[in-house]
Amino acid sequence: MKRLIGNKNALESIKRNGKYWTFKVNENSEVEVNLDNQKKCIKPEEVSAQILIKLKQSAENVVRKPIKNIVLTVPAYFDENQKKATTKAAELAGLNVVEMISEPSAAAYAYGFDQQKFSDTNLLVFDLGGGTLDVVIVKIKDGIFNVVGIGGNTQLGGRDFDNVLMDYFVDIIEEKYNKEIAENVKVMQKLLRECIDLKIMLSANEEAKYSFKANLLC
């Protein structure tokens, strides 16, 4: 949802990424879902709100008390529209956003807290997530964290590596079996899961093998 929520260029993102998604998105950037055998279109904010509700419930189960106020993290390159839409999602989830900070800044804070190093320090935070890449320089002086430089790409993340692997294998499979699979949701979901596993293996090894099961085409 990060590539859709509050994004004025959502249509460009849909065009670029839509073929890899297992859900449909209309021209208004609304996600099409089936509820009780009826098609319904919901906004990205509503989808994100459901995720926040689940996270809220999980956190409350740990601390054993209601949670109302939160500090929300967003990609460093989020613009004001994206931030407002994300805040709206939190409100829909029954949460009050006390402060909004960038995800790399949150990582820097966590590092400083864990290391107990609050003297003069410069940190470079490289944050490669599932859908975004942020590179941030944080200057720490007298315990104050100040972001002095931001770079990144809101259309580059781990999922894009999955997509490249999928495109690679789709070409090979279609040529070998003389069948088109790009429109077969079941096959593409299976291929996605296996490409993710393959990517994880390549994170720790120089080589990894993948064997496509022909019976998936039946």
N, C-alpha and C. Protein backbone atom coordinates (compact mmCIF):
# COMPACT_ATOMS: atom_id res chain seq x y z
N MET A 1 0.80 -1.21 0.00
CA MET A 1 0.00 0.00 0.00
C MET A 1 0.84 1.27 0.00
N LYS A 2 2.11 1.16 0.37
CA LYS A 2 2.97 2.35 0.43
C LYS A 2 3.09 3.02 -0.93
N ARG A 3 2.95 2.24 -2.01
CA ARG A 3 3.09 2.82 -3.34
C ARG A 3 1.80 3.42 -3.86
N LEU A 4 0.73 3.27 -3.09
CA LEU A 4 -0.56 3.80 -3.51
C LEU A 4 -1.07 4.91 -2.59
N ILE A 5 -0.87 4.75 -1.30
CA ILE A 5 -1.50 5.64 -0.33
C ILE A 5 -1.04 7.10 -0.50
N GLY A 6 -2.00 7.97 -0.80
CA GLY A 6 -1.72 9.40 -0.93
C GLY A 6 -0.82 9.76 -2.10
N ASN A 7 -0.60 8.83 -3.01
CA ASN A 7 0.35 9.05 -4.11
C ASN A 7 -0.36 9.68 -5.31
N LYS A 8 0.03 10.89 -5.65
CA LYS A 8 -0.57 11.57 -6.80
C LYS A 8 -0.18 10.90 -8.12
N ASN A 9 0.91 10.17 -8.11
CA ASN A 9 1.35 9.45 -9.31
C ASN A 9 1.03 7.96 -9.21
N ALA A 10 -0.06 7.64 -8.53
CA ALA A 10 -0.41 6.24 -8.30
C ALA A 10 -0.63 5.48 -9.60
N LEU A 11 -1.19 6.14 -10.61
CA LEU A 11 -1.45 5.46 -11.88
C LEU A 11 -0.15 4.96 -12.51
N GLU A 12 0.89 5.74 -12.37
CA GLU A 12 2.20 5.32 -12.88
C GLU A 12 2.70 4.10 -12.12
N SER A 13 2.50 4.10 -10.80
CA SER A 13 2.90 2.96 -9.98
C SER A 13 2.09 1.72 -10.32
N ILE A 14 0.79 1.91 -10.55
CA ILE A 14 -0.08 0.79 -10.91
C ILE A 14 0.36 0.19 -12.24
N LYS A 15 0.67 1.06 -13.20
CA LYS A 15 1.12 0.59 -14.51
C LYS A 15 2.41 -0.19 -14.41
N ARG A 16 3.28 0.26 -13.52
CA ARG A 16 4.60 -0.37 -13.38
C ARG A 16 4.55 -1.66 -12.56
N ASN A 17 3.70 -1.68 -11.53
CA ASN A 17 3.71 -2.80 -10.60
C ASN A 17 2.47 -3.69 -10.63
N GLY A 18 1.40 -3.18 -11.26
CA GLY A 18 0.11 -3.87 -11.21
C GLY A 18 0.14 -5.33 -11.64
N LYS A 19 0.94 -5.64 -12.64
CA LYS A 19 0.93 -7.01 -13.16
C LYS A 19 1.49 -8.01 -12.15
N TYR A 20 2.20 -7.52 -11.16
CA TYR A 20 2.77 -8.42 -10.15
C TYR A 20 1.85 -8.60 -8.94
N TRP A 21 0.85 -7.73 -8.81
CA TRP A 21 -0.02 -7.79 -7.64
C TRP A 21 -1.06 -8.88 -7.79
N THR A 22 -1.44 -9.46 -6.68
CA THR A 22 -2.47 -10.50 -6.69
C THR A 22 -3.86 -9.90 -6.46
N PHE A 23 -3.95 -8.59 -6.46
CA PHE A 23 -5.21 -7.88 -6.31
C PHE A 23 -5.32 -6.84 -7.42
N LYS A 24 -6.53 -6.40 -7.69
CA LYS A 24 -6.75 -5.42 -8.74
C LYS A 24 -6.94 -4.03 -8.14
N VAL A 25 -6.45 -3.02 -8.86
CA VAL A 25 -6.57 -1.64 -8.43
C VAL A 25 -7.20 -0.85 -9.58
N ASN A 26 -8.26 -0.09 -9.28
CA ASN A 26 -8.92 0.65 -10.34
C ASN A 26 -8.23 1.99 -10.59
N GLU A 27 -8.82 2.78 -11.52
CA GLU A 27 -8.19 4.04 -11.91
C GLU A 27 -8.19 5.08 -10.80
N ASN A 28 -8.99 4.84 -9.76
CA ASN A 28 -9.02 5.75 -8.61
C ASN A 28 -8.10 5.29 -7.48
N SER A 29 -7.24 4.35 -7.80
CA SER A 29 -6.28 3.78 -6.83
C SER A 29 -6.98 3.03 -5.71
N GLU A 30 -8.19 2.55 -5.96
CA GLU A 30 -8.93 1.77 -4.98
C GLU A 30 -8.70 0.29 -5.22
N VAL A 31 -8.55 -0.45 -4.13
CA VAL A 31 -8.31 -1.89 -4.22
C VAL A 31 -9.63 -2.63 -4.30
N GLU A 32 -9.74 -3.53 -5.28
CA GLU A 32 -10.95 -4.32 -5.46
C GLU A 32 -10.89 -5.59 -4.63
N VAL A 33 -11.88 -5.78 -3.77
CA VAL A 33 -11.93 -6.97 -2.91
C VAL A 33 -13.32 -7.60 -3.02
N ASN A 34 -13.39 -8.88 -2.66
CA ASN A 34 -14.67 -9.59 -2.65
C ASN A 34 -15.09 -9.83 -1.20
N LEU A 35 -16.24 -9.28 -0.83
CA LEU A 35 -16.80 -9.48 0.50
C LEU A 35 -18.20 -10.07 0.36
N ASP A 36 -18.36 -11.28 0.88
CA ASP A 36 -19.65 -11.98 0.76
C ASP A 36 -20.09 -12.08 -0.69
N ASN A 37 -19.12 -12.45 -1.55
CA ASN A 37 -19.37 -12.63 -2.98
C ASN A 37 -19.79 -11.35 -3.69
N GLN A 38 -19.48 -10.23 -3.10
CA GLN A 38 -19.75 -8.95 -3.73
C GLN A 38 -18.47 -8.14 -3.86
N LYS A 39 -18.30 -7.55 -5.04
CA LYS A 39 -17.10 -6.76 -5.27
C LYS A 39 -17.24 -5.39 -4.60
N LYS A 40 -16.20 -5.02 -3.89
CA LYS A 40 -16.19 -3.73 -3.22
C LYS A 40 -14.84 -3.07 -3.43
N CYS A 41 -14.85 -1.77 -3.62
CA CYS A 41 -13.61 -1.02 -3.81
C CYS A 41 -13.30 -0.22 -2.55
N ILE A 42 -12.12 -0.41 -2.01
CA ILE A 42 -11.72 0.28 -0.79
C ILE A 42 -10.43 1.07 -1.04
N LYS A 43 -10.30 2.15 -0.32
CA LYS A 43 -9.15 3.03 -0.50
C LYS A 43 -7.91 2.44 0.18
N PRO A 44 -6.72 2.82 -0.30
CA PRO A 44 -5.49 2.35 0.34
C PRO A 44 -5.44 2.66 1.83
N GLU A 45 -6.03 3.82 2.23
CA GLU A 45 -6.06 4.18 3.64
C GLU A 45 -6.82 3.15 4.47
N GLU A 46 -7.90 2.60 3.88
CA GLU A 46 -8.70 1.61 4.59
C GLU A 46 -7.95 0.29 4.74
N VAL A 47 -7.19 -0.07 3.70
CA VAL A 47 -6.37 -1.28 3.77
C VAL A 47 -5.30 -1.12 4.85
N SER A 48 -4.61 0.03 4.82
CA SER A 48 -3.57 0.29 5.82
C SER A 48 -4.15 0.33 7.23
N ALA A 49 -5.38 0.85 7.35
CA ALA A 49 -6.04 0.91 8.66
C ALA A 49 -6.24 -0.48 9.23
N GLN A 50 -6.61 -1.43 8.38
CA GLN A 50 -6.81 -2.80 8.84
C GLN A 50 -5.50 -3.42 9.34
N ILE A 51 -4.41 -3.08 8.65
CA ILE A 51 -3.09 -3.57 9.08
C ILE A 51 -2.74 -2.98 10.45
N LEU A 52 -3.00 -1.67 10.61
CA LEU A 52 -2.70 -1.00 11.88
C LEU A 52 -3.56 -1.55 13.01
N ILE A 53 -4.81 -1.88 12.70
CA ILE A 53 -5.69 -2.47 13.72
C ILE A 53 -5.11 -3.79 14.21
N LYS A 54 -4.61 -4.60 13.27
CA LYS A 54 -4.00 -5.88 13.65
C LYS A 54 -2.75 -5.67 14.49
N LEU A 55 -1.91 -4.71 14.11
CA LEU A 55 -0.70 -4.42 14.87
C LEU A 55 -1.06 -3.89 16.26
N LYS A 56 -2.09 -3.06 16.33
CA LYS A 56 -2.55 -2.51 17.60
C LYS A 56 -3.00 -3.64 18.53
N GLN A 57 -3.75 -4.58 18.00
CA GLN A 57 -4.23 -5.70 18.80
C GLN A 57 -3.06 -6.55 19.32
N SER A 58 -2.07 -6.77 18.45
CA SER A 58 -0.91 -7.57 18.85
C SER A 58 -0.12 -6.88 19.95
N ALA A 59 0.06 -5.55 19.82
CA ALA A 59 0.79 -4.80 20.83
C ALA A 59 0.03 -4.77 22.16
N GLU A 60 -1.29 -4.63 22.08
CA GLU A 60 -2.10 -4.60 23.30
C GLU A 60 -2.06 -5.94 24.03
N ASN A 61 -1.93 -7.02 23.26
CA ASN A 61 -1.82 -8.35 23.89
C ASN A 61 -0.52 -8.49 24.67
N VAL A 62 0.49 -7.73 24.25
CA VAL A 62 1.79 -7.80 24.93
C VAL A 62 1.80 -6.90 26.17
N VAL A 63 1.38 -5.65 26.00
CA VAL A 63 1.45 -4.69 27.12
C VAL A 63 0.24 -4.80 28.05
N ARG A 64 -0.79 -5.50 27.58
CA ARG A 64 -2.01 -5.75 28.37
C ARG A 64 -2.71 -4.47 28.82
N LYS A 65 -2.74 -3.51 27.93
CA LYS A 65 -3.51 -2.30 28.18
C LYS A 65 -3.81 -1.63 26.83
N PRO A 66 -4.86 -0.82 26.78
CA PRO A 66 -5.23 -0.18 25.50
C PRO A 66 -4.15 0.75 24.99
N ILE A 67 -4.01 0.80 23.68
CA ILE A 67 -3.05 1.71 23.04
C ILE A 67 -3.83 2.71 22.20
N LYS A 68 -3.58 3.97 22.42
CA LYS A 68 -4.28 5.03 21.69
C LYS A 68 -3.32 5.91 20.92
N ASN A 69 -2.23 6.33 21.59
CA ASN A 69 -1.28 7.25 20.97
C ASN A 69 -0.09 6.48 20.40
N ILE A 70 0.34 6.88 19.20
CA ILE A 70 1.46 6.18 18.56
C ILE A 70 2.40 7.18 17.88
N VAL A 71 3.63 6.74 17.70
CA VAL A 71 4.59 7.43 16.82
C VAL A 71 4.63 6.61 15.55
N LEU A 72 4.35 7.24 14.44
CA LEU A 72 4.22 6.54 13.17
C LEU A 72 5.45 6.78 12.30
N THR A 73 5.96 5.72 11.68
CA THR A 73 7.11 5.86 10.79
C THR A 73 6.67 5.72 9.34
N VAL A 74 7.29 6.50 8.47
CA VAL A 74 6.99 6.47 7.04
C VAL A 74 8.31 6.55 6.26
N PRO A 75 8.31 6.14 4.99
CA PRO A 75 9.53 6.29 4.18
C PRO A 75 10.00 7.74 4.15
N ALA A 76 11.29 7.92 4.08
CA ALA A 76 11.87 9.27 4.14
C ALA A 76 11.39 10.15 3.00
N TYR A 77 11.06 9.56 1.87
CA TYR A 77 10.68 10.34 0.69
C TYR A 77 9.18 10.60 0.59
N PHE A 78 8.40 10.21 1.59
CA PHE A 78 6.96 10.48 1.56
C PHE A 78 6.71 11.98 1.53
N ASP A 79 5.81 12.42 0.61
CA ASP A 79 5.45 13.83 0.58
C ASP A 79 4.28 14.10 1.53
N GLU A 80 3.82 15.34 1.57
CA GLU A 80 2.77 15.71 2.53
C GLU A 80 1.47 14.97 2.30
N ASN A 81 1.11 14.75 1.02
CA ASN A 81 -0.12 14.02 0.73
C ASN A 81 -0.05 12.58 1.24
N GLN A 82 1.10 11.96 1.06
CA GLN A 82 1.28 10.58 1.51
C GLN A 82 1.26 10.50 3.04
N LYS A 83 1.85 11.51 3.69
CA LYS A 83 1.86 11.54 5.15
C LYS A 83 0.45 11.75 5.70
N LYS A 84 -0.32 12.66 5.06
CA LYS A 84 -1.69 12.91 5.51
C LYS A 84 -2.55 11.67 5.34
N ALA A 85 -2.37 10.96 4.23
CA ALA A 85 -3.16 9.75 3.98
C ALA A 85 -2.80 8.67 5.00
N THR A 86 -1.53 8.60 5.36
CA THR A 86 -1.10 7.61 6.36
C THR A 86 -1.67 7.95 7.73
N THR A 87 -1.69 9.24 8.05
CA THR A 87 -2.31 9.68 9.30
C THR A 87 -3.79 9.35 9.32
N LYS A 88 -4.46 9.51 8.17
CA LYS A 88 -5.87 9.17 8.04
C LYS A 88 -6.09 7.68 8.31
N ALA A 89 -5.19 6.86 7.82
CA ALA A 89 -5.29 5.41 8.06
C ALA A 89 -5.22 5.11 9.55
N ALA A 90 -4.32 5.81 10.24
CA ALA A 90 -4.19 5.62 11.69
C ALA A 90 -5.47 6.03 12.41
N GLU A 91 -6.07 7.14 11.97
CA GLU A 91 -7.32 7.60 12.58
C GLU A 91 -8.43 6.58 12.37
N LEU A 92 -8.48 5.99 11.18
CA LEU A 92 -9.49 4.97 10.89
C LEU A 92 -9.30 3.74 11.79
N ALA A 93 -8.05 3.53 12.20
CA ALA A 93 -7.74 2.40 13.08
C ALA A 93 -7.95 2.75 14.56
N GLY A 94 -8.43 3.98 14.82
CA GLY A 94 -8.66 4.39 16.20
C GLY A 94 -7.40 4.81 16.93
N LEU A 95 -6.42 5.30 16.18
CA LEU A 95 -5.14 5.68 16.77
C LEU A 95 -4.88 7.17 16.58
N ASN A 96 -4.18 7.76 17.53
CA ASN A 96 -3.80 9.16 17.47
C ASN A 96 -2.30 9.27 17.22
N VAL A 97 -1.93 9.90 16.11
CA VAL A 97 -0.52 10.03 15.75
C VAL A 97 0.09 11.21 16.50
N VAL A 98 0.92 10.90 17.50
CA VAL A 98 1.58 11.93 18.29
C VAL A 98 2.68 12.59 17.48
N GLU A 99 3.39 11.77 16.74
CA GLU A 99 4.49 12.28 15.92
C GLU A 99 4.73 11.33 14.76
N MET A 100 5.19 11.90 13.64
CA MET A 100 5.52 11.09 12.47
C MET A 100 6.99 11.30 12.14
N ILE A 101 7.75 10.21 12.05
CA ILE A 101 9.17 10.30 11.74
C ILE A 101 9.49 9.36 10.59
N SER A 102 10.63 9.59 9.95
CA SER A 102 11.03 8.72 8.85
C SER A 102 11.54 7.38 9.39
N GLU A 103 11.38 6.35 8.59
CA GLU A 103 11.82 5.01 9.00
C GLU A 103 13.33 4.95 9.28
N PRO A 104 14.17 5.57 8.45
CA PRO A 104 15.61 5.56 8.76
C PRO A 104 15.93 6.29 10.07
N SER A 105 15.19 7.36 10.35
CA SER A 105 15.41 8.08 11.61
C SER A 105 15.08 7.19 12.79
N ALA A 106 14.00 6.42 12.65
CA ALA A 106 13.62 5.49 13.72
C ALA A 106 14.73 4.47 13.95
N ALA A 107 15.34 4.01 12.86
CA ALA A 107 16.45 3.06 13.00
C ALA A 107 17.63 3.70 13.72
N ALA A 108 17.89 4.97 13.41
CA ALA A 108 18.99 5.69 14.06
C ALA A 108 18.71 5.85 15.56
N TYR A 109 17.46 6.19 15.90
CA TYR A 109 17.09 6.32 17.31
C TYR A 109 17.29 5.00 18.05
N ALA A 110 16.85 3.92 17.40
CA ALA A 110 16.98 2.59 18.03
C ALA A 110 18.45 2.23 18.22
N TYR A 111 19.28 2.59 17.23
CA TYR A 111 20.72 2.32 17.34
C TYR A 111 21.31 3.11 18.50
N GLY A 112 20.96 4.38 18.60
CA GLY A 112 21.50 5.22 19.67
C GLY A 112 21.06 4.73 21.04
N PHE A 113 19.81 4.29 21.14
CA PHE A 113 19.30 3.80 22.41
C PHE A 113 20.00 2.51 22.81
N ASP A 114 20.20 1.64 21.83
CA ASP A 114 20.81 0.34 22.12
C ASP A 114 22.29 0.48 22.46
N GLN A 115 22.97 1.35 21.73
CA GLN A 115 24.41 1.50 21.92
C GLN A 115 24.76 2.46 23.06
N GLN A 116 23.76 3.26 23.47
CA GLN A 116 23.99 4.27 24.50
C GLN A 116 25.11 5.23 24.09
N LYS A 117 25.15 5.55 22.79
CA LYS A 117 26.14 6.49 22.29
C LYS A 117 25.42 7.77 21.87
N PHE A 118 25.49 8.78 22.72
CA PHE A 118 24.78 10.01 22.43
C PHE A 118 25.73 11.20 22.30
N SER A 119 27.02 10.92 22.11
CA SER A 119 27.97 12.00 21.91
C SER A 119 27.94 12.41 20.43
N ASP A 120 28.88 13.24 20.01
CA ASP A 120 28.91 13.71 18.62
C ASP A 120 29.17 12.54 17.68
N THR A 121 28.18 12.23 16.87
CA THR A 121 28.27 11.08 15.97
C THR A 121 27.53 11.38 14.68
N ASN A 122 28.07 10.90 13.57
CA ASN A 122 27.37 10.96 12.29
C ASN A 122 27.02 9.54 11.86
N LEU A 123 25.77 9.32 11.51
CA LEU A 123 25.32 8.00 11.09
C LEU A 123 24.81 8.05 9.66
N LEU A 124 25.15 7.03 8.87
CA LEU A 124 24.55 6.84 7.56
C LEU A 124 23.64 5.62 7.67
N VAL A 125 22.35 5.82 7.48
CA VAL A 125 21.38 4.74 7.60
C VAL A 125 20.93 4.31 6.21
N PHE A 126 21.19 3.06 5.86
CA PHE A 126 20.78 2.49 4.58
C PHE A 126 19.59 1.59 4.86
N ASP A 127 18.43 2.00 4.39
CA ASP A 127 17.18 1.30 4.70
C ASP A 127 16.55 0.77 3.42
N LEU A 128 16.76 -0.51 3.16
CA LEU A 128 16.15 -1.15 1.99
C LEU A 128 15.01 -2.04 2.47
N GLY A 129 13.80 -1.57 2.26
CA GLY A 129 12.64 -2.31 2.73
C GLY A 129 11.98 -3.11 1.62
N GLY A 130 10.73 -3.48 1.86
CA GLY A 130 10.01 -4.28 0.87
C GLY A 130 9.63 -3.49 -0.36
N GLY A 131 9.42 -2.18 -0.20
CA GLY A 131 8.98 -1.40 -1.34
C GLY A 131 9.69 -0.08 -1.54
N THR A 132 10.53 0.32 -0.60
CA THR A 132 11.21 1.60 -0.72
C THR A 132 12.68 1.49 -0.30
N LEU A 133 13.47 2.42 -0.80
CA LEU A 133 14.89 2.53 -0.42
C LEU A 133 15.13 3.93 0.10
N ASP A 134 15.66 4.04 1.31
CA ASP A 134 16.01 5.33 1.89
C ASP A 134 17.46 5.30 2.35
N VAL A 135 18.17 6.37 2.05
CA VAL A 135 19.53 6.55 2.56
C VAL A 135 19.55 7.91 3.26
N VAL A 136 19.84 7.89 4.55
CA VAL A 136 19.74 9.11 5.35
C VAL A 136 21.02 9.31 6.17
N ILE A 137 21.46 10.55 6.25
CA ILE A 137 22.58 10.90 7.12
C ILE A 137 22.02 11.61 8.35
N VAL A 138 22.32 11.07 9.51
CA VAL A 138 21.82 11.62 10.78
C VAL A 138 22.99 12.13 11.60
N LYS A 139 22.91 13.36 12.05
CA LYS A 139 23.94 13.95 12.91
C LYS A 139 23.44 13.96 14.34
N ILE A 140 24.20 13.35 15.24
CA ILE A 140 23.81 13.29 16.65
C ILE A 140 24.75 14.19 17.45
N LYS A 141 24.17 15.15 18.14
CA LYS A 141 24.97 16.06 18.96
C LYS A 141 24.22 16.33 20.26
N ASP A 142 24.89 16.03 21.35
CA ASP A 142 24.30 16.24 22.69
C ASP A 142 22.95 15.52 22.82
N GLY A 143 22.87 14.33 22.25
CA GLY A 143 21.65 13.54 22.37
C GLY A 143 20.54 13.93 21.42
N ILE A 144 20.78 14.95 20.57
CA ILE A 144 19.77 15.40 19.61
C ILE A 144 20.05 14.77 18.24
N PHE A 145 19.03 14.12 17.66
CA PHE A 145 19.16 13.49 16.36
C PHE A 145 18.63 14.44 15.29
N ASN A 146 19.46 14.77 14.33
CA ASN A 146 19.07 15.70 13.28
C ASN A 146 19.38 15.11 11.91
N VAL A 147 18.34 14.93 11.07
CA VAL A 147 18.53 14.40 9.72
C VAL A 147 19.07 15.53 8.84
N VAL A 148 20.28 15.34 8.30
CA VAL A 148 20.91 16.40 7.51
C VAL A 148 20.97 16.08 6.02
N GLY A 149 20.63 14.86 5.65
CA GLY A 149 20.66 14.49 4.23
C GLY A 149 19.76 13.30 3.95
N ILE A 150 19.00 13.38 2.86
CA ILE A 150 18.08 12.30 2.50
C ILE A 150 18.22 11.97 1.03
N GLY A 151 18.21 10.68 0.72
CA GLY A 151 18.19 10.21 -0.66
C GLY A 151 17.41 8.92 -0.72
N GLY A 152 17.05 8.50 -1.91
CA GLY A 152 16.35 7.23 -1.97
C GLY A 152 15.44 7.09 -3.17
N ASN A 153 14.61 6.05 -3.13
CA ASN A 153 13.73 5.74 -4.25
C ASN A 153 12.49 5.05 -3.69
N THR A 154 11.32 5.64 -3.94
CA THR A 154 10.08 5.07 -3.41
C THR A 154 9.57 3.92 -4.27
N GLN A 155 10.28 3.63 -5.37
CA GLN A 155 9.88 2.54 -6.24
C GLN A 155 10.96 1.47 -6.34
N LEU A 156 11.72 1.31 -5.27
CA LEU A 156 12.77 0.29 -5.26
C LEU A 156 12.81 -0.37 -3.89
N GLY A 157 12.62 -1.68 -3.89
CA GLY A 157 12.66 -2.41 -2.63
C GLY A 157 12.79 -3.90 -2.89
N GLY A 158 12.70 -4.67 -1.83
CA GLY A 158 12.85 -6.11 -1.95
C GLY A 158 11.86 -6.74 -2.91
N ARG A 159 10.64 -6.19 -2.97
CA ARG A 159 9.64 -6.75 -3.86
C ARG A 159 10.06 -6.61 -5.33
N ASP A 160 10.81 -5.57 -5.64
CA ASP A 160 11.27 -5.38 -7.01
C ASP A 160 12.27 -6.46 -7.42
N PHE A 161 13.07 -6.94 -6.46
CA PHE A 161 13.97 -8.05 -6.74
C PHE A 161 13.15 -9.31 -7.04
N ASP A 162 12.06 -9.49 -6.28
CA ASP A 162 11.16 -10.63 -6.54
C ASP A 162 10.60 -10.54 -7.95
N ASN A 163 10.20 -9.32 -8.35
CA ASN A 163 9.60 -9.12 -9.67
C ASN A 163 10.58 -9.43 -10.80
N VAL A 164 11.84 -9.02 -10.61
CA VAL A 164 12.86 -9.30 -11.63
C VAL A 164 13.06 -10.80 -11.77
N LEU A 165 13.11 -11.50 -10.63
CA LEU A 165 13.24 -12.96 -10.68
C LEU A 165 12.03 -13.60 -11.36
N MET A 166 10.84 -13.09 -11.05
CA MET A 166 9.63 -13.64 -11.67
C MET A 166 9.65 -13.44 -13.19
N ASP A 167 10.00 -12.24 -13.64
CA ASP A 167 10.07 -11.98 -15.08
C ASP A 167 11.06 -12.93 -15.75
N TYR A 168 12.17 -13.16 -15.09
CA TYR A 168 13.21 -14.04 -15.64
C TYR A 168 12.68 -15.46 -15.82
N PHE A 169 12.02 -15.98 -14.78
CA PHE A 169 11.52 -17.35 -14.85
C PHE A 169 10.29 -17.48 -15.73
N VAL A 170 9.45 -16.44 -15.79
CA VAL A 170 8.27 -16.49 -16.66
C VAL A 170 8.70 -16.66 -18.11
N ASP A 171 9.71 -15.92 -18.53
CA ASP A 171 10.21 -16.03 -19.91
C ASP A 171 10.71 -17.45 -20.20
N ILE A 172 11.46 -18.00 -19.26
CA ILE A 172 12.01 -19.35 -19.46
C ILE A 172 10.89 -20.39 -19.49
N ILE A 173 9.96 -20.29 -18.54
CA ILE A 173 8.88 -21.28 -18.44
C ILE A 173 7.96 -21.23 -19.65
N GLU A 174 7.59 -20.01 -20.08
CA GLU A 174 6.70 -19.89 -21.23
C GLU A 174 7.35 -20.42 -22.51
N GLU A 175 8.64 -20.19 -22.63
CA GLU A 175 9.34 -20.69 -23.82
C GLU A 175 9.47 -22.21 -23.78
N LYS A 176 9.77 -22.76 -22.60
CA LYS A 176 9.98 -24.20 -22.47
C LYS A 176 8.69 -24.99 -22.65
N TYR A 177 7.58 -24.51 -22.06
CA TYR A 177 6.33 -25.26 -22.08
C TYR A 177 5.32 -24.73 -23.10
N ASN A 178 5.69 -23.65 -23.78
CA ASN A 178 4.83 -23.06 -24.82
C ASN A 178 3.44 -22.73 -24.26
N LYS A 179 3.43 -22.16 -23.05
CA LYS A 179 2.19 -21.76 -22.40
C LYS A 179 2.39 -20.42 -21.72
N GLU A 180 1.37 -19.57 -21.83
CA GLU A 180 1.44 -18.28 -21.15
C GLU A 180 0.97 -18.44 -19.70
N ILE A 181 1.76 -17.96 -18.77
CA ILE A 181 1.41 -18.11 -17.34
C ILE A 181 1.23 -16.77 -16.64
N ALA A 182 1.58 -15.68 -17.33
CA ALA A 182 1.54 -14.36 -16.69
C ALA A 182 0.15 -13.98 -16.20
N GLU A 183 -0.91 -14.50 -16.83
CA GLU A 183 -2.28 -14.17 -16.43
C GLU A 183 -2.88 -15.23 -15.50
N ASN A 184 -2.13 -16.27 -15.21
CA ASN A 184 -2.61 -17.33 -14.32
C ASN A 184 -2.26 -16.96 -12.88
N VAL A 185 -3.26 -16.47 -12.13
CA VAL A 185 -3.02 -15.96 -10.78
C VAL A 185 -2.45 -17.04 -9.86
N LYS A 186 -2.99 -18.26 -9.96
CA LYS A 186 -2.55 -19.35 -9.09
C LYS A 186 -1.07 -19.67 -9.33
N VAL A 187 -0.69 -19.77 -10.58
CA VAL A 187 0.70 -20.08 -10.91
C VAL A 187 1.62 -18.94 -10.50
N MET A 188 1.19 -17.70 -10.76
CA MET A 188 2.03 -16.55 -10.43
C MET A 188 2.21 -16.39 -8.93
N GLN A 189 1.18 -16.70 -8.14
CA GLN A 189 1.32 -16.64 -6.68
C GLN A 189 2.32 -17.68 -6.19
N LYS A 190 2.23 -18.87 -6.76
CA LYS A 190 3.18 -19.93 -6.40
C LYS A 190 4.59 -19.53 -6.80
N LEU A 191 4.73 -18.98 -8.00
CA LEU A 191 6.05 -18.56 -8.48
C LEU A 191 6.61 -17.44 -7.60
N LEU A 192 5.75 -16.52 -7.17
CA LEU A 192 6.19 -15.42 -6.30
C LEU A 192 6.75 -15.97 -5.00
N ARG A 193 6.04 -16.89 -4.37
CA ARG A 193 6.51 -17.46 -3.10
C ARG A 193 7.87 -18.14 -3.27
N GLU A 194 8.03 -18.83 -4.38
CA GLU A 194 9.29 -19.54 -4.60
C GLU A 194 10.42 -18.58 -4.96
N CYS A 195 10.09 -17.48 -5.65
CA CYS A 195 11.11 -16.48 -5.95
C CYS A 195 11.58 -15.77 -4.68
N ILE A 196 10.64 -15.55 -3.75
CA ILE A 196 11.01 -14.94 -2.47
C ILE A 196 11.94 -15.87 -1.70
N ASP A 197 11.61 -17.17 -1.68
CA ASP A 197 12.48 -18.15 -1.01
C ASP A 197 13.86 -18.18 -1.67
N LEU A 198 13.86 -18.09 -3.00
CA LEU A 198 15.12 -18.11 -3.75
C LEU A 198 15.97 -16.88 -3.42
N LYS A 199 15.32 -15.73 -3.33
CA LYS A 199 16.02 -14.49 -2.99
C LYS A 199 16.64 -14.58 -1.61
N ILE A 200 15.89 -15.17 -0.67
CA ILE A 200 16.40 -15.32 0.70
C ILE A 200 17.62 -16.24 0.71
N MET A 201 17.56 -17.32 -0.06
CA MET A 201 18.71 -18.23 -0.14
C MET A 201 19.93 -17.52 -0.71
N LEU A 202 19.70 -16.66 -1.72
CA LEU A 202 20.81 -15.94 -2.35
C LEU A 202 21.39 -14.86 -1.44
N SER A 203 20.66 -14.52 -0.38
CA SER A 203 21.17 -13.55 0.58
C SER A 203 22.31 -14.12 1.40
N ALA A 204 22.34 -15.46 1.50
CA ALA A 204 23.37 -16.10 2.32
C ALA A 204 24.30 -17.01 1.49
N ASN A 205 23.94 -17.23 0.22
CA ASN A 205 24.73 -18.12 -0.62
C ASN A 205 24.99 -17.48 -1.98
N GLU A 206 26.08 -17.89 -2.60
CA GLU A 206 26.41 -17.35 -3.92
C GLU A 206 25.55 -17.98 -5.01
N GLU A 207 25.03 -19.17 -4.77
CA GLU A 207 24.22 -19.87 -5.76
C GLU A 207 22.98 -20.46 -5.11
N ALA A 208 21.93 -20.59 -5.90
CA ALA A 208 20.70 -21.25 -5.45
C ALA A 208 20.02 -21.85 -6.67
N LYS A 209 19.39 -22.98 -6.50
CA LYS A 209 18.73 -23.67 -7.62
C LYS A 209 17.22 -23.56 -7.49
N TYR A 210 16.57 -23.48 -8.66
CA TYR A 210 15.11 -23.44 -8.69
C TYR A 210 14.61 -24.41 -9.75
N SER A 211 13.65 -25.21 -9.39
CA SER A 211 13.08 -26.19 -10.32
C SER A 211 11.57 -25.98 -10.40
N PHE A 212 11.08 -25.58 -11.57
CA PHE A 212 9.65 -25.35 -11.76
C PHE A 212 8.93 -26.67 -11.95
N LYS A 213 7.81 -26.83 -11.25
CA LYS A 213 7.02 -28.07 -11.35
C LYS A 213 5.99 -27.91 -12.45
N ALA A 214 6.13 -28.71 -13.49
CA ALA A 214 5.26 -28.60 -14.68
C ALA A 214 3.80 -28.85 -14.35
N ASN A 215 3.53 -29.61 -13.29
CA ASN A 215 2.14 -29.89 -12.96
C ASN A 215 1.36 -28.65 -12.52
N LEU A 216 2.06 -27.57 -12.22
CA LEU A 216 1.38 -26.33 -11.88
C LEU A 216 0.62 -25.76 -13.05
N LEU A 217 0.99 -26.16 -14.26
CA LEU A 217 0.36 -25.63 -15.47
C LEU A 217 -0.96 -26.34 -15.77
N CYS A 218 -1.23 -27.44 -15.09
CA CYS A 218 -2.45 -28.21 -15.36
C CYS A 218 -3.68 -27.53 -14.75
